[in-house]
């Protein structure tokens, strides 16, 4: 008897051509769902007949309360080596194996620079104006000699810093565990948190979401920024206090914010960010590249194949 696998949140309707799912036949039947369900009850109703679920990052959360509603569920495969939206303790308690996949580090760093350049040179506004028959409606700002602040100089932050240096920017950084020596290895100067916000012409966030980093950027930090500065977030929405950021943007205490991540995703159609002309908003595109999908879904297939053979690849939890 075949097991049933659900692929969730296939927004672009590409999952089934990103990997050799047919190689799992006849043991496996795969169904891809392109729409997103917000209600946990609706998710549970959809998934009740399925034995395994493939998640694209944190698009659909799996809290503890959903596991009792899915009596057939035996396997979750999430793209990425971590997924904070899955309650791993609950999965273990309900004897659900959770596995991950590799993902590529560079796409998010590339998007970060797309957002920075779009903000400083008003690219989206100028494209719109040109299509409407208007010519050169804004005055852009160059990056040479400006200060790039990097909040979190890990793998992604270091990539972003390297490009900033190539643009001739001064690059400064801070995080709780960053040392001056580690920063210097990247050609970057470590500063204290308050100085990072005060000196940056553009401040970009590259941290994992955790109890320690949730609301790390709040009203005090935003008030410490230059009025001409941009805040960029391609990491996770809750790292910024959303209410504080909305207020800062409305009062124009900073030049603007370029955001790829939000507290609630997909972003509601009437969210206040969408009404602000100093908020540059993209729909969590950081990891959304063909190369990333090809790798992640291919490994998801291997995770499922191994599970059918009584093996576990890329485990995120351990069953007794």
C-alpha atoms as a PDB file:
ATOM      1  CA  UNK A   1       0.000   0.000   0.000  1.00  0.00           C
ATOM      2  CA  UNK A   2       1.398   3.392  -1.031  1.00  0.00           C
ATOM      3  CA  UNK A   3       2.095   6.082   1.521  1.00  0.00           C
ATOM      4  CA  UNK A   4       0.778   9.554   0.783  1.00  0.00           C
ATOM      5  CA  UNK A   5       3.058  12.586   0.816  1.00  0.00           C
ATOM      6  CA  UNK A   6       1.776  16.188   0.854  1.00  0.00           C
ATOM      7  CA  UNK A   7       3.959  19.069  -0.330  1.00  0.00           C
ATOM      8  CA  UNK A   8       2.663  22.278   1.242  1.00  0.00           C
ATOM      9  CA  UNK A   9       2.742  25.896   0.091  1.00  0.00           C
ATOM     10  CA  UNK A  10       3.991  25.250  -3.440  1.00  0.00           C
ATOM     11  CA  UNK A  11       3.338  28.907  -4.271  1.00  0.00           C
ATOM     12  CA  UNK A  12       4.967  28.841  -7.709  1.00  0.00           C
ATOM     13  CA  UNK A  13       3.581  25.369  -8.591  1.00  0.00           C
ATOM     14  CA  UNK A  14       7.098  24.105  -9.292  1.00  0.00           C
ATOM     15  CA  UNK A  15       7.787  21.512  -6.576  1.00  0.00           C
ATOM     16  CA  UNK A  16       6.887  18.482  -8.688  1.00  0.00           C
ATOM     17  CA  UNK A  17       9.387  19.417 -11.393  1.00  0.00           C
ATOM     18  CA  UNK A  18      12.179  20.338  -8.995  1.00  0.00           C
ATOM     19  CA  UNK A  19      12.977  16.708  -8.095  1.00  0.00           C
ATOM     20  CA  UNK A  20      12.427  13.133  -9.227  1.00  0.00           C
ATOM     21  CA  UNK A  21       9.352  12.388  -7.118  1.00  0.00           C
ATOM     22  CA  UNK A  22       8.347   9.656  -9.576  1.00  0.00           C
ATOM     23  CA  UNK A  23      11.444   7.768  -8.495  1.00  0.00           C
ATOM     24  CA  UNK A  24       9.563   7.029  -5.268  1.00  0.00           C
ATOM     25  CA  UNK A  25       6.734   5.238  -7.088  1.00  0.00           C
ATOM     26  CA  UNK A  26       4.902   2.908  -6.679  1.00  0.00           C
ATOM     27  CA  UNK A  27       5.400   3.072  -2.899  1.00  0.00           C
ATOM     28  CA  UNK A  28       4.679   6.801  -2.678  1.00  0.00           C
ATOM     29  CA  UNK A  29       1.857   9.036  -3.910  1.00  0.00           C
ATOM     30  CA  UNK A  30       2.780  12.723  -3.912  1.00  0.00           C
ATOM     31  CA  UNK A  31       0.299  15.628  -3.883  1.00  0.00           C
ATOM     32  CA  UNK A  32       1.439  19.280  -4.061  1.00  0.00           C
ATOM     33  CA  UNK A  33      -0.766  22.073  -2.692  1.00  0.00           C
ATOM     34  CA  UNK A  34      -0.080  25.577  -4.062  1.00  0.00           C
ATOM     35  CA  UNK A  35      -2.356  27.493  -1.681  1.00  0.00           C
ATOM     36  CA  UNK A  36      -1.561  28.535   1.875  1.00  0.00           C
ATOM     37  CA  UNK A  37      -3.930  27.764   4.746  1.00  0.00           C
ATOM     38  CA  UNK A  38      -3.808  29.999   7.823  1.00  0.00           C
ATOM     39  CA  UNK A  39      -6.149  27.977  10.020  1.00  0.00           C
ATOM     40  CA  UNK A  40      -4.600  25.062  11.923  1.00  0.00           C
ATOM     41  CA  UNK A  41      -7.903  23.220  11.697  1.00  0.00           C
ATOM     42  CA  UNK A  42      -7.935  23.644   7.928  1.00  0.00           C
ATOM     43  CA  UNK A  43      -4.334  22.403   7.702  1.00  0.00           C
ATOM     44  CA  UNK A  44      -5.170  19.401   9.866  1.00  0.00           C
ATOM     45  CA  UNK A  45      -8.248  18.575   7.772  1.00  0.00           C
ATOM     46  CA  UNK A  46      -6.206  18.689   4.585  1.00  0.00           C
ATOM     47  CA  UNK A  47      -3.380  16.577   5.950  1.00  0.00           C
ATOM     48  CA  UNK A  48      -5.379  13.974   7.857  1.00  0.00           C
ATOM     49  CA  UNK A  49      -5.075  11.311   5.090  1.00  0.00           C
ATOM     50  CA  UNK A  50      -1.314  11.825   4.628  1.00  0.00           C
ATOM     51  CA  UNK A  51       1.580   9.839   6.076  1.00  0.00           C
ATOM     52  CA  UNK A  52       4.298  12.392   5.316  1.00  0.00           C
ATOM     53  CA  UNK A  53       4.520  16.148   4.775  1.00  0.00           C
ATOM     54  CA  UNK A  54       7.149  18.220   2.985  1.00  0.00           C
ATOM     55  CA  UNK A  55       7.406  21.802   4.236  1.00  0.00           C
ATOM     56  CA  UNK A  56       9.024  24.738   2.490  1.00  0.00           C
ATOM     57  CA  UNK A  57      10.743  26.478   5.374  1.00  0.00           C
ATOM     58  CA  UNK A  58       8.352  28.017   7.953  1.00  0.00           C
ATOM     59  CA  UNK A  59       5.466  28.747   5.595  1.00  0.00           C
ATOM     60  CA  UNK A  60       3.126  26.423   7.520  1.00  0.00           C
ATOM     61  CA  UNK A  61       3.870  26.001  11.246  1.00  0.00           C
ATOM     62  CA  UNK A  62       3.529  22.685  13.056  1.00  0.00           C
ATOM     63  CA  UNK A  63       2.760  23.515  16.707  1.00  0.00           C
ATOM     64  CA  UNK A  64       2.162  20.859  19.339  1.00  0.00           C
ATOM     65  CA  UNK A  65      -1.615  21.061  18.963  1.00  0.00           C
ATOM     66  CA  UNK A  66      -1.627  19.851  15.374  1.00  0.00           C
ATOM     67  CA  UNK A  67       0.010  16.464  15.965  1.00  0.00           C
ATOM     68  CA  UNK A  68      -2.958  14.759  17.698  1.00  0.00           C
ATOM     69  CA  UNK A  69      -5.099  15.766  14.709  1.00  0.00           C
ATOM     70  CA  UNK A  70      -2.868  13.819  12.273  1.00  0.00           C
ATOM     71  CA  UNK A  71      -3.032  10.148  13.296  1.00  0.00           C
ATOM     72  CA  UNK A  72      -1.363   8.854  10.108  1.00  0.00           C
ATOM     73  CA  UNK A  73       1.575  11.262  10.138  1.00  0.00           C
ATOM     74  CA  UNK A  74       4.951   9.519  10.404  1.00  0.00           C
ATOM     75  CA  UNK A  75       7.407  11.868   8.683  1.00  0.00           C
ATOM     76  CA  UNK A  76       7.956  15.596   8.227  1.00  0.00           C
ATOM     77  CA  UNK A  77      10.643  16.823   5.850  1.00  0.00           C
ATOM     78  CA  UNK A  78      11.420  20.513   6.053  1.00  0.00           C
ATOM     79  CA  UNK A  79      13.701  22.353   3.680  1.00  0.00           C
ATOM     80  CA  UNK A  80      16.601  23.682   5.715  1.00  0.00           C
ATOM     81  CA  UNK A  81      18.521  22.232   8.649  1.00  0.00           C
ATOM     82  CA  UNK A  82      16.308  24.010  11.181  1.00  0.00           C
ATOM     83  CA  UNK A  83      12.674  25.061  11.371  1.00  0.00           C
ATOM     84  CA  UNK A  84      11.591  26.971  14.458  1.00  0.00           C
ATOM     85  CA  UNK A  85       7.926  26.626  13.513  1.00  0.00           C
ATOM     86  CA  UNK A  86       7.944  22.848  14.125  1.00  0.00           C
ATOM     87  CA  UNK A  87       7.488  21.735  17.734  1.00  0.00           C
ATOM     88  CA  UNK A  88      10.157  19.033  17.736  1.00  0.00           C
ATOM     89  CA  UNK A  89       9.312  17.843  21.246  1.00  0.00           C
ATOM     90  CA  UNK A  90       5.693  17.278  20.209  1.00  0.00           C
ATOM     91  CA  UNK A  91       6.802  15.533  17.026  1.00  0.00           C
ATOM     92  CA  UNK A  92       8.999  13.203  19.067  1.00  0.00           C
ATOM     93  CA  UNK A  93       6.215  12.550  21.569  1.00  0.00           C
ATOM     94  CA  UNK A  94       3.874  11.554  18.733  1.00  0.00           C
ATOM     95  CA  UNK A  95       6.592   9.439  17.092  1.00  0.00           C
ATOM     96  CA  UNK A  96       6.884  11.647  14.024  1.00  0.00           C
ATOM     97  CA  UNK A  97      10.347  11.709  12.476  1.00  0.00           C
ATOM     98  CA  UNK A  98      11.467  15.185  11.357  1.00  0.00           C
ATOM     99  CA  UNK A  99      14.206  15.515   8.746  1.00  0.00           C
ATOM    100  CA  UNK A 100      15.814  18.492   7.024  1.00  0.00           C
ATOM    101  CA  UNK A 101      17.688  19.332   3.867  1.00  0.00           C
ATOM    102  CA  UNK A 102      20.607  21.577   2.984  1.00  0.00           C
ATOM    103  CA  UNK A 103      19.923  25.048   1.646  1.00  0.00           C
ATOM    104  CA  UNK A 104      22.221  27.485  -0.119  1.00  0.00           C
ATOM    105  CA  UNK A 105      23.564  30.451   1.859  1.00  0.00           C
ATOM    106  CA  UNK A 106      24.119  33.012  -0.878  1.00  0.00           C
ATOM    107  CA  UNK A 107      20.623  33.748  -2.290  1.00  0.00           C
ATOM    108  CA  UNK A 108      19.569  35.741   0.778  1.00  0.00           C
ATOM    109  CA  UNK A 109      22.796  37.751   0.730  1.00  0.00           C
ATOM    110  CA  UNK A 110      22.172  38.561  -2.936  1.00  0.00           C
ATOM    111  CA  UNK A 111      18.613  39.689  -2.235  1.00  0.00           C
ATOM    112  CA  UNK A 112      19.870  41.895   0.596  1.00  0.00           C
ATOM    113  CA  UNK A 113      21.923  43.865  -1.882  1.00  0.00           C
ATOM    114  CA  UNK A 114      19.019  43.985  -4.311  1.00  0.00           C
ATOM    115  CA  UNK A 115      16.970  45.651  -1.572  1.00  0.00           C
ATOM    116  CA  UNK A 116      19.755  48.051  -0.557  1.00  0.00           C
ATOM    117  CA  UNK A 117      20.343  49.191  -4.143  1.00  0.00           C
ATOM    118  CA  UNK A 118      16.603  49.451  -4.768  1.00  0.00           C
ATOM    119  CA  UNK A 119      16.229  51.639  -1.701  1.00  0.00           C
ATOM    120  CA  UNK A 120      19.158  53.966  -2.317  1.00  0.00           C
ATOM    121  CA  UNK A 121      18.489  54.380  -6.055  1.00  0.00           C
ATOM    122  CA  UNK A 122      14.667  54.270  -5.854  1.00  0.00           C
ATOM    123  CA  UNK A 123      14.595  51.526  -8.483  1.00  0.00           C
ATOM    124  CA  UNK A 124      11.000  50.285  -7.941  1.00  0.00           C
ATOM    125  CA  UNK A 125       9.605  53.836  -7.983  1.00  0.00           C
ATOM    126  CA  UNK A 126      11.550  54.760 -11.113  1.00  0.00           C
ATOM    127  CA  UNK A 127      10.441  51.596 -12.948  1.00  0.00           C
ATOM    128  CA  UNK A 128       6.836  52.434 -12.100  1.00  0.00           C
ATOM    129  CA  UNK A 129       7.281  56.063 -13.166  1.00  0.00           C
ATOM    130  CA  UNK A 130       8.864  55.093 -16.484  1.00  0.00           C
ATOM    131  CA  UNK A 131       5.963  52.763 -17.289  1.00  0.00           C
ATOM    132  CA  UNK A 132       3.630  55.659 -16.514  1.00  0.00           C
ATOM    133  CA  UNK A 133       5.460  57.985 -18.903  1.00  0.00           C
ATOM    134  CA  UNK A 134       7.409  59.983 -16.312  1.00  0.00           C
ATOM    135  CA  UNK A 135      11.178  60.389 -16.556  1.00  0.00           C
ATOM    136  CA  UNK A 136      13.719  60.712 -13.715  1.00  0.00           C
ATOM    137  CA  UNK A 137      11.454  61.506 -10.806  1.00  0.00           C
ATOM    138  CA  UNK A 138      13.842  60.947  -7.877  1.00  0.00           C
ATOM    139  CA  UNK A 139      17.410  61.637  -6.828  1.00  0.00           C
ATOM    140  CA  UNK A 140      19.340  58.555  -5.741  1.00  0.00           C
ATOM    141  CA  UNK A 141      22.101  58.193  -3.178  1.00  0.00           C
ATOM    142  CA  UNK A 142      25.444  56.460  -3.695  1.00  0.00           C
ATOM    143  CA  UNK A 143      27.000  53.873  -1.398  1.00  0.00           C
ATOM    144  CA  UNK A 144      30.690  54.795  -1.670  1.00  0.00           C
ATOM    145  CA  UNK A 145      31.900  56.125   1.680  1.00  0.00           C
ATOM    146  CA  UNK A 146      28.658  55.308   3.464  1.00  0.00           C
ATOM    147  CA  UNK A 147      28.577  53.135   6.588  1.00  0.00           C
ATOM    148  CA  UNK A 148      27.090  49.653   6.402  1.00  0.00           C
ATOM    149  CA  UNK A 149      26.016  48.240   9.757  1.00  0.00           C
ATOM    150  CA  UNK A 150      25.691  44.460   9.979  1.00  0.00           C
ATOM    151  CA  UNK A 151      23.649  43.075  12.860  1.00  0.00           C
ATOM    152  CA  UNK A 152      24.982  39.520  13.015  1.00  0.00           C
ATOM    153  CA  UNK A 153      28.275  38.740  11.280  1.00  0.00           C
ATOM    154  CA  UNK A 154      27.694  35.028  10.697  1.00  0.00           C
ATOM    155  CA  UNK A 155      27.745  33.193   7.388  1.00  0.00           C
ATOM    156  CA  UNK A 156      25.233  35.473   5.680  1.00  0.00           C
ATOM    157  CA  UNK A 157      26.295  38.653   7.412  1.00  0.00           C
ATOM    158  CA  UNK A 158      29.887  38.089   6.361  1.00  0.00           C
ATOM    159  CA  UNK A 159      28.834  37.679   2.724  1.00  0.00           C
ATOM    160  CA  UNK A 160      26.871  40.919   2.855  1.00  0.00           C
ATOM    161  CA  UNK A 161      29.800  42.689   4.524  1.00  0.00           C
ATOM    162  CA  UNK A 162      32.170  41.553   1.777  1.00  0.00           C
ATOM    163  CA  UNK A 163      30.017  43.180  -0.887  1.00  0.00           C
ATOM    164  CA  UNK A 164      29.774  46.361   1.177  1.00  0.00           C
ATOM    165  CA  UNK A 165      33.551  46.544   1.287  1.00  0.00           C
ATOM    166  CA  UNK A 166      33.653  46.064  -2.489  1.00  0.00           C
ATOM    167  CA  UNK A 167      31.342  49.070  -2.854  1.00  0.00           C
ATOM    168  CA  UNK A 168      33.829  51.133  -0.845  1.00  0.00           C
ATOM    169  CA  UNK A 169      31.667  51.304   2.262  1.00  0.00           C
ATOM    170  CA  UNK A 170      32.886  51.369   5.837  1.00  0.00           C
ATOM    171  CA  UNK A 171      31.506  48.200   7.428  1.00  0.00           C
ATOM    172  CA  UNK A 172      30.794  47.891  11.141  1.00  0.00           C
ATOM    173  CA  UNK A 173      29.109  45.033  12.981  1.00  0.00           C
ATOM    174  CA  UNK A 174      27.725  43.875  16.308  1.00  0.00           C
ATOM    175  CA  UNK A 175      26.176  40.779  17.817  1.00  0.00           C
ATOM    176  CA  UNK A 176      26.131  39.333  21.324  1.00  0.00           C
ATOM    177  CA  UNK A 177      29.031  36.964  20.670  1.00  0.00           C
ATOM    178  CA  UNK A 178      31.001  38.848  18.028  1.00  0.00           C
ATOM    179  CA  UNK A 179      34.622  39.532  18.943  1.00  0.00           C
ATOM    180  CA  UNK A 180      36.859  42.235  17.537  1.00  0.00           C
ATOM    181  CA  UNK A 181      39.164  39.543  16.185  1.00  0.00           C
ATOM    182  CA  UNK A 182      36.378  37.752  14.307  1.00  0.00           C
ATOM    183  CA  UNK A 183      35.195  41.057  12.823  1.00  0.00           C
ATOM    184  CA  UNK A 184      38.725  42.000  11.751  1.00  0.00           C
ATOM    185  CA  UNK A 185      39.086  38.682   9.923  1.00  0.00           C
ATOM    186  CA  UNK A 186      36.234  39.862   7.690  1.00  0.00           C
ATOM    187  CA  UNK A 187      37.675  43.352   7.224  1.00  0.00           C
ATOM    188  CA  UNK A 188      34.983  44.726   9.531  1.00  0.00           C
ATOM    189  CA  UNK A 189      35.118  46.822  12.706  1.00  0.00           C
ATOM    190  CA  UNK A 190      33.249  45.567  15.760  1.00  0.00           C
ATOM    191  CA  UNK A 191      31.333  48.264  17.602  1.00  0.00           C
ATOM    192  CA  UNK A 192      28.847  48.249  20.459  1.00  0.00           C
ATOM    193  CA  UNK A 193      25.167  47.889  19.696  1.00  0.00           C
ATOM    194  CA  UNK A 194      24.212  51.526  20.256  1.00  0.00           C
ATOM    195  CA  UNK A 195      27.066  52.712  18.043  1.00  0.00           C
ATOM    196  CA  UNK A 196      26.002  50.311  15.293  1.00  0.00           C
ATOM    197  CA  UNK A 197      22.576  51.917  15.105  1.00  0.00           C
ATOM    198  CA  UNK A 198      23.878  55.469  15.494  1.00  0.00           C
ATOM    199  CA  UNK A 199      26.531  55.303  12.749  1.00  0.00           C
ATOM    200  CA  UNK A 200      24.914  53.144  10.079  1.00  0.00           C
ATOM    201  CA  UNK A 201      23.612  54.654   6.851  1.00  0.00           C
ATOM    202  CA  UNK A 202      22.107  51.271   6.133  1.00  0.00           C
ATOM    203  CA  UNK A 203      21.677  48.626   8.822  1.00  0.00           C
ATOM    204  CA  UNK A 204      21.073  45.054   7.706  1.00  0.00           C
ATOM    205  CA  UNK A 205      19.962  42.186   9.946  1.00  0.00           C
ATOM    206  CA  UNK A 206      21.427  38.678   9.662  1.00  0.00           C
ATOM    207  CA  UNK A 207      20.499  36.762  12.807  1.00  0.00           C
ATOM    208  CA  UNK A 208      18.528  33.647  13.616  1.00  0.00           C
ATOM    209  CA  UNK A 209      15.261  34.164  15.439  1.00  0.00           C
ATOM    210  CA  UNK A 210      15.420  33.026  19.056  1.00  0.00           C
ATOM    211  CA  UNK A 211      14.285  34.166  22.477  1.00  0.00           C
ATOM    212  CA  UNK A 212      17.450  36.246  22.632  1.00  0.00           C
ATOM    213  CA  UNK A 213      16.894  37.994  19.293  1.00  0.00           C
ATOM    214  CA  UNK A 214      13.102  38.465  19.279  1.00  0.00           C
ATOM    215  CA  UNK A 215      12.345  42.223  19.314  1.00  0.00           C
ATOM    216  CA  UNK A 216      16.094  42.889  19.434  1.00  0.00           C
ATOM    217  CA  UNK A 217      15.421  45.954  17.301  1.00  0.00           C
ATOM    218  CA  UNK A 218      12.879  48.039  19.178  1.00  0.00           C
ATOM    219  CA  UNK A 219      11.889  51.636  19.720  1.00  0.00           C
ATOM    220  CA  UNK A 220      15.134  52.585  21.481  1.00  0.00           C
ATOM    221  CA  UNK A 221      17.287  51.197  18.663  1.00  0.00           C
ATOM    222  CA  UNK A 222      15.184  52.868  15.973  1.00  0.00           C
ATOM    223  CA  UNK A 223      15.353  56.206  17.787  1.00  0.00           C
ATOM    224  CA  UNK A 224      19.129  55.851  17.817  1.00  0.00           C
ATOM    225  CA  UNK A 225      19.353  55.678  14.015  1.00  0.00           C
ATOM    226  CA  UNK A 226      20.062  58.531  11.615  1.00  0.00           C
ATOM    227  CA  UNK A 227      17.022  60.139  10.002  1.00  0.00           C
ATOM    228  CA  UNK A 228      18.648  59.345   6.640  1.00  0.00           C
ATOM    229  CA  UNK A 229      19.285  55.657   7.427  1.00  0.00           C
ATOM    230  CA  UNK A 230      17.626  52.564   5.976  1.00  0.00           C
ATOM    231  CA  UNK A 231      16.852  49.394   7.917  1.00  0.00           C
ATOM    232  CA  UNK A 232      16.990  46.108   5.969  1.00  0.00           C
ATOM    233  CA  UNK A 233      15.640  42.778   7.212  1.00  0.00           C
ATOM    234  CA  UNK A 234      15.997  39.530   5.249  1.00  0.00           C
ATOM    235  CA  UNK A 235      16.268  37.317   8.350  1.00  0.00           C
ATOM    236  CA  UNK A 236      13.038  36.943  10.360  1.00  0.00           C
ATOM    237  CA  UNK A 237      10.280  39.475  10.973  1.00  0.00           C
ATOM    238  CA  UNK A 238       9.998  39.239  14.777  1.00  0.00           C
ATOM    239  CA  UNK A 239      13.630  40.313  15.241  1.00  0.00           C
ATOM    240  CA  UNK A 240      12.177  43.814  14.767  1.00  0.00           C
ATOM    241  CA  UNK A 241       9.384  45.123  16.971  1.00  0.00           C
ATOM    242  CA  UNK A 242       6.854  45.634  14.175  1.00  0.00           C
ATOM    243  CA  UNK A 243       4.754  48.249  15.990  1.00  0.00           C
ATOM    244  CA  UNK A 244       7.851  50.299  16.797  1.00  0.00           C
ATOM    245  CA  UNK A 245       9.034  50.127  13.181  1.00  0.00           C
ATOM    246  CA  UNK A 246       5.643  51.170  11.816  1.00  0.00           C
ATOM    247  CA  UNK A 247       5.651  54.174  14.127  1.00  0.00           C
ATOM    248  CA  UNK A 248       9.194  55.136  13.114  1.00  0.00           C
ATOM    249  CA  UNK A 249       8.283  54.924   9.427  1.00  0.00           C
ATOM    250  CA  UNK A 250       5.068  56.902   9.848  1.00  0.00           C
ATOM    251  CA  UNK A 251       6.933  59.638  11.740  1.00  0.00           C
ATOM    252  CA  UNK A 252       9.789  59.445   9.191  1.00  0.00           C
ATOM    253  CA  UNK A 253      12.348  59.099  11.961  1.00  0.00           C
ATOM    254  CA  UNK A 254      14.356  56.925   9.530  1.00  0.00           C
ATOM    255  CA  UNK A 255      14.489  57.134   5.745  1.00  0.00           C
ATOM    256  CA  UNK A 256      12.862  53.766   5.266  1.00  0.00           C
ATOM    257  CA  UNK A 257      12.838  50.033   5.733  1.00  0.00           C
ATOM    258  CA  UNK A 258      13.431  47.325   3.120  1.00  0.00           C
ATOM    259  CA  UNK A 259      11.726  44.184   4.379  1.00  0.00           C
ATOM    260  CA  UNK A 260      11.566  40.638   3.039  1.00  0.00           C
ATOM    261  CA  UNK A 261      10.251  39.024   6.245  1.00  0.00           C
ATOM    262  CA  UNK A 262       7.315  39.747   8.534  1.00  0.00           C
ATOM    263  CA  UNK A 263       5.592  38.702  11.737  1.00  0.00           C
ATOM    264  CA  UNK A 264       2.767  37.169   9.683  1.00  0.00           C
ATOM    265  CA  UNK A 265       3.400  35.542   6.323  1.00  0.00           C
ATOM    266  CA  UNK A 266       1.977  35.775   3.741  1.00  0.00           C
ATOM    267  CA  UNK A 267       1.582  39.456   4.531  1.00  0.00           C
ATOM    268  CA  UNK A 268      -2.133  40.347   4.825  1.00  0.00           C
ATOM    269  CA  UNK A 269      -3.472  42.341   1.868  1.00  0.00           C
ATOM    270  CA  UNK A 270      -4.235  45.423   3.990  1.00  0.00           C
ATOM    271  CA  UNK A 271      -1.158  45.378   6.208  1.00  0.00           C
ATOM    272  CA  UNK A 272       0.031  48.886   7.187  1.00  0.00           C
ATOM    273  CA  UNK A 273       3.469  48.342   5.605  1.00  0.00           C
ATOM    274  CA  UNK A 274       1.795  48.246   2.193  1.00  0.00           C
ATOM    275  CA  UNK A 275       0.413  51.768   2.622  1.00  0.00           C
ATOM    276  CA  UNK A 276       3.777  53.384   3.428  1.00  0.00           C
ATOM    277  CA  UNK A 277       5.905  54.929   0.686  1.00  0.00           C
ATOM    278  CA  UNK A 278       9.058  54.462   2.768  1.00  0.00           C
ATOM    279  CA  UNK A 279       8.588  50.708   3.187  1.00  0.00           C
ATOM    280  CA  UNK A 280      10.105  48.586   0.410  1.00  0.00           C
ATOM    281  CA  UNK A 281       8.409  45.206   0.714  1.00  0.00           C
ATOM    282  CA  UNK A 282       9.128  41.843  -0.932  1.00  0.00           C
ATOM    283  CA  UNK A 283       7.391  38.484  -0.219  1.00  0.00           C
ATOM    284  CA  UNK A 284      10.145  36.534   1.597  1.00  0.00           C
ATOM    285  CA  UNK A 285      12.196  35.964  -1.540  1.00  0.00           C
ATOM    286  CA  UNK A 286      15.554  35.529   0.192  1.00  0.00           C
ATOM    287  CA  UNK A 287      15.795  31.764  -0.310  1.00  0.00           C
ATOM    288  CA  UNK A 288      13.458  31.548  -3.327  1.00  0.00           C
ATOM    289  CA  UNK A 289      15.764  30.610  -6.196  1.00  0.00           C
ATOM    290  CA  UNK A 290      15.717  27.716  -8.642  1.00  0.00           C
ATOM    291  CA  UNK A 291      19.078  26.499  -7.357  1.00  0.00           C
ATOM    292  CA  UNK A 292      17.813  26.375  -3.786  1.00  0.00           C
ATOM    293  CA  UNK A 293      14.598  24.584  -4.699  1.00  0.00           C
ATOM    294  CA  UNK A 294      16.419  22.021  -6.843  1.00  0.00           C
ATOM    295  CA  UNK A 295      18.761  21.131  -4.003  1.00  0.00           C
ATOM    296  CA  UNK A 296      16.181  21.161  -1.212  1.00  0.00           C
ATOM    297  CA  UNK A 297      13.503  19.119  -2.964  1.00  0.00           C
ATOM    298  CA  UNK A 298      16.040  16.621  -4.304  1.00  0.00           C
ATOM    299  CA  UNK A 299      17.241  15.928  -0.765  1.00  0.00           C
ATOM    300  CA  UNK A 300      13.626  15.768   0.438  1.00  0.00           C
ATOM    301  CA  UNK A 301      13.103  12.890  -1.992  1.00  0.00           C
ATOM    302  CA  UNK A 302      16.183  11.144  -0.577  1.00  0.00           C
ATOM    303  CA  UNK A 303      14.929  11.685   2.983  1.00  0.00           C
ATOM    304  CA  UNK A 304      11.640  10.003   2.074  1.00  0.00           C
ATOM    305  CA  UNK A 305      13.344   7.146   0.244  1.00  0.00           C
ATOM    306  CA  UNK A 306      15.592   6.485   3.232  1.00  0.00           C
ATOM    307  CA  UNK A 307      12.599   6.540   5.587  1.00  0.00           C
ATOM    308  CA  UNK A 308      10.858   3.892   3.473  1.00  0.00           C
ATOM    309  CA  UNK A 309      13.978   1.755   3.852  1.00  0.00           C
ATOM    310  CA  UNK A 310      13.966   2.104   7.624  1.00  0.00           C
ATOM    311  CA  UNK A 311      16.766   4.690   7.668  1.00  0.00           C
ATOM    312  CA  UNK A 312      16.887   8.328   8.736  1.00  0.00           C
ATOM    313  CA  UNK A 313      18.746  11.012   6.793  1.00  0.00           C
ATOM    314  CA  UNK A 314      19.271  14.570   8.072  1.00  0.00           C
ATOM    315  CA  UNK A 315      17.326  14.068  11.333  1.00  0.00           C
ATOM    316  CA  UNK A 316      16.163  17.077  13.336  1.00  0.00           C
ATOM    317  CA  UNK A 317      14.783  14.937  16.171  1.00  0.00           C
ATOM    318  CA  UNK A 318      15.526  11.479  17.520  1.00  0.00           C
ATOM    319  CA  UNK A 319      12.861   8.851  18.084  1.00  0.00           C
ATOM    320  CA  UNK A 320      13.396   6.201  20.738  1.00  0.00           C
END
